Amino acid sequence: MSRFLPEPAFSHERPARLGVLLINLGTPDAPTASAVRRYLAEFLSDPRVVEIPRAVWKPLLHGLILRVRPARSADRYANIWTKDGSPLLVHSQRQRSLLLGYLGQRLKALGLPSDHAQVELGMRYGSPSITEALARLREGRCDRILLMPLYPQYASSTTGSALDAVFSATRTMRRVPALRAADVYHDDAGYIGALAQSINEYWVKNGRPNKLVLSFHGVPRRTLDLGDPYHCHCQKTARLLATELGLRPEQYVVAFQSRFGRGEWLKPYTRATLVALAKEGMRRVDVACPGFVSDCLETLEEIGLEGRSAFLEAGGAEFHAIPCLNERPAWIAVLAGLVLENLGGWLDAPPDAAARELTQARAKAGGAAA
């Protein structure tokens, strides 16, 4: 039996298309302990996420963490779950649909068919999986695929892991498509501008804070020493964003959230920063999370609920969590621009009907079935 999956039906008269695979982290299927356990088992088994020898980590993961943590995490997911499901999945799906429409318009303006590109969403952990998304692109006759991780800053545990999953999935394909991975965009002018527009519009409606906290997802401190550029990317994003907003250094602070375990992670920690600001007498603090393009557990629950409580209980008076980019038109336009930029050299027009008929005739003359 072949180790390769069956190839999609082929026809010479059907032109090949471009594929775009949006990749995000993922989410449990439901805010229940069992669903969260399945999700965490996949997430925490990734050697890029937990860089501990498997012989040490596996007994700890299955003997303790997956017995205790799922129920706690399920309660947190329940706090932010919507009638449509997980916020991360909902926003990511909407981004995919909007990007598809926006790309169609841009392709048409370039003289290409509006349906020349197919866009799919794949989650690194959970559903829809990267493998499922690649299968849909293959069924759509996409022979060139752009991988677009929705992580503005590179980390081995996010972008690196996402690419691992793509390359692993291609091991079951007989015909591996041409693959191209978009680079990070932590300092892209459009991305910075979209963030600044979002924050400024929020301030126009709600007033300005005493201090803006730019909170990024944390990673272990040792990853910086080992050469991961994530910390540097976050700092540059923050600096460029503060400049775009016209903020002085004392008007904002960079912090890192989502610490896991007892080891040292990137500092300062967001929760400790919020508590310290409250005790210093800061009456109002706003928190924005530039590393997340979609609101999710880390922004809605960890910042919006837990961060708020920590700040107010420490003496702060007013706390604001600024929404992520989500489906903002400026962000979708930036995303489309990044996709088109990374598709450079692939944006050639597909063969017209006459050329396809000629190709089909030649193929049949050579013994092809279609």
Protein backbone atom coordinates (compact mmCIF):
# COMPACT_ATOMS: atom_id res chain seq x y z
CA MET A 1 0.00 0.00 0.00
CA SER A 2 1.30 3.46 -0.92
CA ARG A 3 2.20 5.77 1.91
CA PHE A 4 0.90 8.69 -0.17
CA LEU A 5 -2.66 9.99 -0.10
CA PRO A 6 -4.64 9.74 -3.35
CA GLU A 7 -4.09 12.71 -5.62
CA PRO A 8 -7.06 14.98 -6.47
CA ALA A 9 -8.75 14.35 -9.81
CA PHE A 10 -6.72 15.98 -12.58
CA SER A 11 -7.89 17.59 -15.80
CA HIS A 12 -5.77 19.42 -18.37
CA GLU A 13 -8.62 21.83 -19.06
CA ARG A 14 -8.69 23.11 -15.48
CA PRO A 15 -6.01 25.78 -14.86
CA ALA A 16 -3.90 25.66 -11.72
CA ARG A 17 -4.55 28.28 -9.06
CA LEU A 18 -2.66 30.03 -6.31
CA GLY A 19 -3.25 29.01 -2.73
CA VAL A 20 -2.97 31.07 0.44
CA LEU A 21 -2.88 29.27 3.77
CA LEU A 22 -3.58 31.47 6.78
CA ILE A 23 -2.19 29.85 9.93
CA ASN A 24 -3.10 30.66 13.51
CA LEU A 25 -2.48 28.95 16.83
CA GLY A 26 -5.79 27.19 17.37
CA THR A 27 -8.45 26.69 19.99
CA PRO A 28 -10.38 23.91 21.73
CA ASP A 29 -13.59 22.80 20.05
CA ALA A 30 -15.63 23.63 23.14
CA PRO A 31 -15.15 25.21 26.59
CA THR A 32 -15.18 21.81 28.28
CA ALA A 33 -12.51 19.94 30.20
CA SER A 34 -12.41 17.08 27.68
CA ALA A 35 -12.08 19.38 24.66
CA VAL A 36 -9.44 21.50 26.38
CA ARG A 37 -7.54 18.34 27.38
CA ARG A 38 -7.33 17.22 23.74
CA TYR A 39 -6.17 20.67 22.69
CA LEU A 40 -3.58 21.02 25.44
CA ALA A 41 -2.26 17.50 24.82
CA GLU A 42 -1.46 18.47 21.23
CA PHE A 43 -0.18 21.94 22.11
CA LEU A 44 2.04 20.95 25.03
CA SER A 45 3.44 17.92 23.19
CA ASP A 46 5.03 20.19 20.59
CA PRO A 47 8.81 20.16 21.21
CA ARG A 48 9.04 23.74 19.95
CA VAL A 49 6.58 24.85 22.63
CA VAL A 50 8.13 22.96 25.54
CA GLU A 51 11.87 22.52 25.06
CA ILE A 52 12.33 19.91 27.77
CA PRO A 53 13.65 16.39 27.08
CA ARG A 54 10.68 14.17 26.20
CA ALA A 55 11.66 11.56 28.81
CA VAL A 56 11.27 14.22 31.51
CA TRP A 57 8.34 16.16 30.11
CA LYS A 58 5.99 13.40 28.96
CA PRO A 59 5.37 11.83 32.42
CA LEU A 60 4.82 15.30 33.90
CA LEU A 61 2.45 16.30 31.11
CA HIS A 62 0.28 13.18 31.25
CA GLY A 63 0.69 12.43 34.94
CA LEU A 64 -0.09 15.89 36.33
CA ILE A 65 -0.72 18.77 33.94
CA LEU A 66 -3.38 17.14 31.75
CA ARG A 67 -5.15 15.94 34.89
CA VAL A 68 -5.37 19.36 36.54
CA ARG A 69 -5.07 22.14 33.98
CA PRO A 70 -7.94 21.30 31.52
CA ALA A 71 -10.75 21.99 34.00
CA ARG A 72 -9.22 25.31 35.03
CA SER A 73 -8.63 26.36 31.44
CA ALA A 74 -12.15 25.28 30.43
CA ASP A 75 -13.60 27.72 32.97
CA ARG A 76 -11.50 30.49 31.45
CA TYR A 77 -12.63 29.62 27.93
CA ALA A 78 -16.25 29.57 29.12
CA ASN A 79 -15.84 33.18 30.25
CA ILE A 80 -15.16 34.38 26.71
CA TRP A 81 -16.99 31.82 24.54
CA THR A 82 -19.57 33.29 22.17
CA LYS A 83 -22.75 31.97 20.58
CA ASP A 84 -20.69 31.47 17.40
CA GLY A 85 -17.90 29.62 19.20
CA SER A 86 -14.33 30.42 20.09
CA PRO A 87 -13.49 34.10 19.45
CA LEU A 88 -10.14 33.20 17.89
CA LEU A 89 -11.76 30.84 15.39
CA VAL A 90 -14.62 33.23 14.64
CA HIS A 91 -12.30 36.16 13.93
CA SER A 92 -9.88 34.00 11.93
CA GLN A 93 -12.67 32.65 9.74
CA ARG A 94 -13.97 36.14 9.11
CA GLN A 95 -10.48 37.32 8.23
CA ARG A 96 -10.19 34.49 5.74
CA SER A 97 -13.50 35.38 4.07
CA LEU A 98 -12.71 39.09 3.92
CA LEU A 99 -9.22 38.44 2.60
CA LEU A 100 -10.62 36.21 -0.14
CA GLY A 101 -12.95 38.98 -1.29
CA TYR A 102 -10.30 41.67 -1.06
CA LEU A 103 -7.78 39.54 -2.96
CA GLY A 104 -10.36 38.89 -5.67
CA GLN A 105 -10.72 42.63 -6.23
CA ARG A 106 -6.96 43.21 -6.25
CA LEU A 107 -6.34 40.31 -8.65
CA LYS A 108 -9.03 41.57 -11.00
CA ALA A 109 -7.38 45.00 -10.98
CA LEU A 110 -4.14 43.27 -12.04
CA GLY A 111 -5.90 41.68 -15.01
CA LEU A 112 -6.18 38.24 -13.40
CA PRO A 113 -9.34 36.20 -12.74
CA SER A 114 -10.88 37.14 -9.39
CA ASP A 115 -10.94 33.46 -8.38
CA HIS A 116 -7.29 32.83 -9.30
CA ALA A 117 -6.41 32.54 -5.60
CA GLN A 118 -7.97 30.24 -3.01
CA VAL A 119 -7.66 31.12 0.69
CA GLU A 120 -7.91 28.56 3.48
CA LEU A 121 -7.46 28.68 7.25
CA GLY A 122 -5.45 26.11 9.16
CA MET A 123 -4.83 25.96 12.91
CA ARG A 124 -1.57 24.64 14.29
CA TYR A 125 -3.51 22.83 17.02
CA GLY A 126 -7.15 21.77 16.83
CA SER A 127 -9.57 22.34 13.96
CA PRO A 128 -9.51 23.17 11.13
CA SER A 129 -6.08 21.60 10.99
CA ILE A 130 -3.25 22.58 8.69
CA THR A 131 -3.48 19.15 7.06
CA GLU A 132 -7.19 19.67 6.32
CA ALA A 133 -6.56 23.14 4.92
CA LEU A 134 -3.80 21.86 2.63
CA ALA A 135 -6.12 19.12 1.38
CA ARG A 136 -8.73 21.73 0.42
CA LEU A 137 -6.09 23.73 -1.44
CA ARG A 138 -4.98 20.62 -3.32
CA GLU A 139 -8.59 19.85 -4.25
CA GLY A 140 -8.79 23.39 -5.59
CA ARG A 141 -5.87 22.71 -7.98
CA CYS A 142 -3.47 25.00 -6.11
CA ASP A 143 0.03 24.05 -7.22
CA ARG A 144 1.71 27.08 -5.59
CA ILE A 145 0.85 27.86 -1.98
CA LEU A 146 1.80 30.85 0.14
CA LEU A 147 2.03 30.10 3.85
CA MET A 148 0.87 33.14 5.82
CA PRO A 149 1.30 32.66 9.60
CA LEU A 150 -0.80 35.23 11.46
CA TYR A 151 2.07 35.96 13.85
CA PRO A 152 3.59 39.43 13.26
CA GLN A 153 6.68 38.58 15.32
CA TYR A 154 8.69 35.39 14.76
CA ALA A 155 9.07 32.84 17.55
CA SER A 156 10.23 29.27 17.18
CA SER A 157 7.18 28.17 19.19
CA THR A 158 4.72 29.91 16.83
CA THR A 159 5.91 30.56 13.27
CA GLY A 160 8.56 27.84 13.43
CA SER A 161 6.08 25.30 14.71
CA ALA A 162 3.49 26.25 12.09
CA LEU A 163 5.99 25.65 9.30
CA ASP A 164 6.96 22.31 10.88
CA ALA A 165 3.33 21.22 10.63
CA VAL A 166 3.07 22.22 6.97
CA PHE A 167 6.22 20.37 5.96
CA SER A 168 5.13 17.33 7.97
CA ALA A 169 1.80 17.27 6.14
CA THR A 170 3.53 17.28 2.75
CA ARG A 171 5.19 13.97 3.58
CA THR A 172 1.94 12.23 2.62
CA MET A 173 1.65 14.02 -0.74
CA ARG A 174 2.90 12.46 -3.95
CA ARG A 175 2.82 15.83 -5.73
CA VAL A 176 4.14 18.39 -3.28
CA PRO A 177 3.09 21.92 -4.29
CA ALA A 178 5.55 24.79 -4.51
CA LEU A 179 5.63 26.37 -1.07
CA ARG A 180 6.60 29.85 -0.04
CA ALA A 181 6.47 31.17 3.53
CA ALA A 182 5.75 34.85 4.15
CA ASP A 183 8.27 36.53 6.38
CA VAL A 184 7.39 38.30 9.62
CA TYR A 185 5.84 41.75 9.44
CA HIS A 186 6.56 43.12 12.91
CA ASP A 187 7.93 46.33 11.40
CA ASP A 188 5.69 46.59 8.32
CA ALA A 189 4.50 50.17 7.92
CA GLY A 190 0.96 49.09 7.05
CA TYR A 191 0.67 46.82 10.09
CA ILE A 192 2.02 49.54 12.38
CA GLY A 193 -0.36 52.05 10.82
CA ALA A 194 -3.37 49.75 11.27
CA LEU A 195 -2.47 49.26 14.95
CA ALA A 196 -2.07 53.00 15.48
CA GLN A 197 -5.37 53.75 13.74
CA SER A 198 -7.15 51.21 15.94
CA ILE A 199 -5.73 52.65 19.16
CA ASN A 200 -6.30 56.27 18.13
CA GLU A 201 -9.91 55.57 17.22
CA TYR A 202 -10.41 53.91 20.60
CA TRP A 203 -8.95 56.95 22.35
CA VAL A 204 -11.13 59.35 20.38
CA LYS A 205 -14.20 57.52 21.73
CA ASN A 206 -12.96 56.73 25.24
CA GLY A 207 -10.29 59.27 26.13
CA ARG A 208 -6.60 58.61 26.75
CA PRO A 209 -4.90 56.72 29.60
CA ASN A 210 -2.15 57.72 31.99
CA LYS A 211 -0.11 54.82 30.59
CA LEU A 212 -0.39 52.46 27.62
CA VAL A 213 0.77 48.89 28.24
CA LEU A 214 1.81 47.00 25.10
CA SER A 215 1.50 43.38 26.14
CA PHE A 216 2.98 40.58 24.04
CA HIS A 217 2.73 36.83 24.53
CA GLY A 218 5.63 35.63 26.64
CA VAL A 219 8.21 32.94 25.90
CA PRO A 220 10.92 31.44 28.13
CA ARG A 221 13.87 33.78 28.71
CA ARG A 222 16.36 31.14 27.55
CA THR A 223 14.95 31.25 24.01
CA LEU A 224 16.37 34.76 23.66
CA ASP A 225 19.80 33.50 24.72
CA LEU A 226 19.50 30.68 22.18
CA GLY A 227 18.95 33.11 19.30
CA ASP A 228 15.18 33.43 18.96
CA PRO A 229 14.48 36.95 17.56
CA TYR A 230 11.04 37.23 19.18
CA HIS A 231 12.02 39.65 21.96
CA CYS A 232 13.73 41.98 19.49
CA HIS A 233 10.74 41.87 17.13
CA CYS A 234 8.35 42.78 19.96
CA GLN A 235 10.51 45.67 21.08
CA LYS A 236 10.73 47.03 17.54
CA THR A 237 6.97 46.75 17.03
CA ALA A 238 6.41 48.63 20.28
CA ARG A 239 8.92 51.36 19.43
CA LEU A 240 7.50 51.93 15.95
CA LEU A 241 3.92 51.91 17.25
CA ALA A 242 4.73 54.37 20.03
CA THR A 243 6.39 56.66 17.50
CA GLU A 244 3.35 56.44 15.22
CA LEU A 245 1.11 57.31 18.17
CA GLY A 246 3.35 60.20 19.19
CA LEU A 247 4.04 58.75 22.63
CA ARG A 248 6.99 59.69 24.79
CA PRO A 249 8.94 56.84 26.45
CA GLU A 250 7.30 57.50 29.83
CA GLN A 251 3.82 57.19 28.33
CA TYR A 252 4.03 53.49 27.48
CA VAL A 253 5.60 50.27 28.69
CA VAL A 254 6.26 46.88 27.05
CA ALA A 255 5.34 43.74 29.00
CA PHE A 256 4.89 40.00 28.44
CA GLN A 257 1.95 37.80 29.44
CA SER A 258 0.93 34.12 29.54
CA ARG A 259 3.80 32.80 31.62
CA PHE A 260 3.68 29.04 32.16
CA GLY A 261 5.68 27.07 34.74
CA ARG A 262 8.24 28.26 37.25
CA GLY A 263 11.12 29.16 34.95
CA GLU A 264 12.05 32.71 34.02
CA TRP A 265 10.23 34.15 31.02
CA LEU A 266 10.64 37.42 29.17
CA LYS A 267 10.20 40.35 31.54
CA PRO A 268 8.58 42.49 32.73
CA TYR A 269 5.51 40.33 33.34
CA THR A 270 2.22 42.00 32.39
CA ARG A 271 0.35 41.21 35.60
CA ALA A 272 3.19 42.45 37.81
CA THR A 273 3.44 45.58 35.65
CA LEU A 274 -0.27 46.33 36.05
CA VAL A 275 -0.07 45.90 39.83
CA ALA A 276 3.00 48.13 40.01
CA LEU A 277 1.36 50.86 37.92
CA ALA A 278 -1.70 50.86 40.17
CA LYS A 279 0.46 51.15 43.29
CA GLU A 280 2.38 54.01 41.67
CA GLY A 281 -0.89 55.94 41.44
CA MET A 282 -1.73 55.48 37.77
CA ARG A 283 -5.48 55.98 37.70
CA ARG A 284 -6.13 54.74 34.17
CA VAL A 285 -4.23 52.13 32.20
CA ASP A 286 -5.01 50.92 28.68
CA VAL A 287 -3.64 47.61 27.40
CA ALA A 288 -3.13 46.75 23.72
CA CYS A 289 -1.78 43.41 22.46
CA PRO A 290 0.04 44.04 19.14
CA GLY A 291 1.23 40.45 18.83
CA PHE A 292 -2.31 39.13 18.40
CA VAL A 293 -4.25 39.97 15.24
CA SER A 294 -7.41 38.35 16.66
CA ASP A 295 -8.96 38.57 20.09
CA CYS A 296 -8.67 35.28 21.93
CA LEU A 297 -8.29 33.76 25.39
CA GLU A 298 -5.06 35.68 26.03
CA THR A 299 -6.56 39.08 25.19
CA LEU A 300 -10.17 38.70 26.34
CA GLU A 301 -9.72 36.65 29.50
CA GLU A 302 -6.12 37.04 30.61
CA ILE A 303 -5.99 40.77 29.89
CA GLY A 304 -9.64 41.83 29.79
CA LEU A 305 -10.71 39.98 32.92
CA GLU A 306 -7.68 38.87 34.95
CA GLY A 307 -5.57 41.92 34.11
CA ARG A 308 -8.44 44.23 34.90
CA SER A 309 -8.98 42.60 38.30
CA ALA A 310 -5.28 42.74 39.16
CA PHE A 311 -5.08 46.46 38.31
CA LEU A 312 -8.27 47.49 40.11
CA GLU A 313 -7.57 45.38 43.20
CA ALA A 314 -4.12 47.00 43.48
CA GLY A 315 -5.69 50.46 43.63
CA GLY A 316 -6.15 51.45 39.98
CA ALA A 317 -9.30 53.31 39.05
CA GLU A 318 -9.94 52.65 35.35
CA PHE A 319 -8.80 49.83 33.07
CA HIS A 320 -9.32 49.53 29.30
CA ALA A 321 -8.47 46.53 27.08
CA ILE A 322 -8.21 47.75 23.49
CA PRO A 323 -9.55 45.22 20.97
CA CYS A 324 -7.22 43.51 18.50
CA LEU A 325 -7.28 44.25 14.79
CA ASN A 326 -9.82 41.48 14.13
CA GLU A 327 -11.83 42.37 10.99
CA ARG A 328 -10.89 46.04 10.76
CA PRO A 329 -10.80 47.08 7.06
CA ALA A 330 -7.34 48.63 7.47
CA TRP A 331 -5.96 45.31 8.74
CA ILE A 332 -7.58 43.24 5.97
CA ALA A 333 -6.10 45.66 3.41
CA VAL A 334 -2.66 45.27 5.02
CA LEU A 335 -3.02 41.49 5.06
CA ALA A 336 -3.97 41.47 1.38
CA GLY A 337 -0.99 43.68 0.62
CA LEU A 338 1.36 41.34 2.47
CA VAL A 339 -0.07 38.35 0.58
CA LEU A 340 0.31 40.02 -2.81
CA GLU A 341 3.83 41.15 -1.96
CA ASN A 342 4.82 37.62 -1.06
CA LEU A 343 3.13 36.23 -4.18
CA GLY A 344 5.50 38.26 -6.34
CA GLY A 345 6.60 36.24 -9.37
CA TRP A 346 3.60 33.94 -9.06
CA LEU A 347 1.03 36.44 -10.29
CA ASP A 348 1.09 35.32 -13.88
CA ALA A 349 -2.18 34.94 -15.76
CA PRO A 350 -3.50 31.38 -16.15
CA PRO A 351 -3.70 30.03 -19.72
CA ASP A 352 -6.81 31.08 -21.65
CA ALA A 353 -9.42 28.65 -22.99
CA ALA A 354 -7.66 28.18 -26.33
CA ALA A 355 -4.36 27.36 -24.65
CA ARG A 356 -6.06 24.91 -22.30
CA GLU A 357 -7.82 23.16 -25.19
CA LEU A 358 -4.50 22.83 -27.01
CA THR A 359 -2.84 21.40 -23.93
CA GLN A 360 -5.70 18.93 -23.47
CA ALA A 361 -5.52 17.86 -27.11
CA ARG A 362 -1.78 17.27 -26.87
CA ALA A 363 -2.22 15.32 -23.65
CA LYS A 364 -4.90 13.08 -25.20
CA ALA A 365 -2.74 12.52 -28.23
CA GLY A 366 -0.04 11.36 -25.88
CA GLY A 367 -2.38 8.91 -24.16
CA ALA A 368 -3.70 10.95 -21.21
CA ALA A 369 -7.24 10.25 -20.06
CA ALA A 370 -8.19 13.91 -19.47
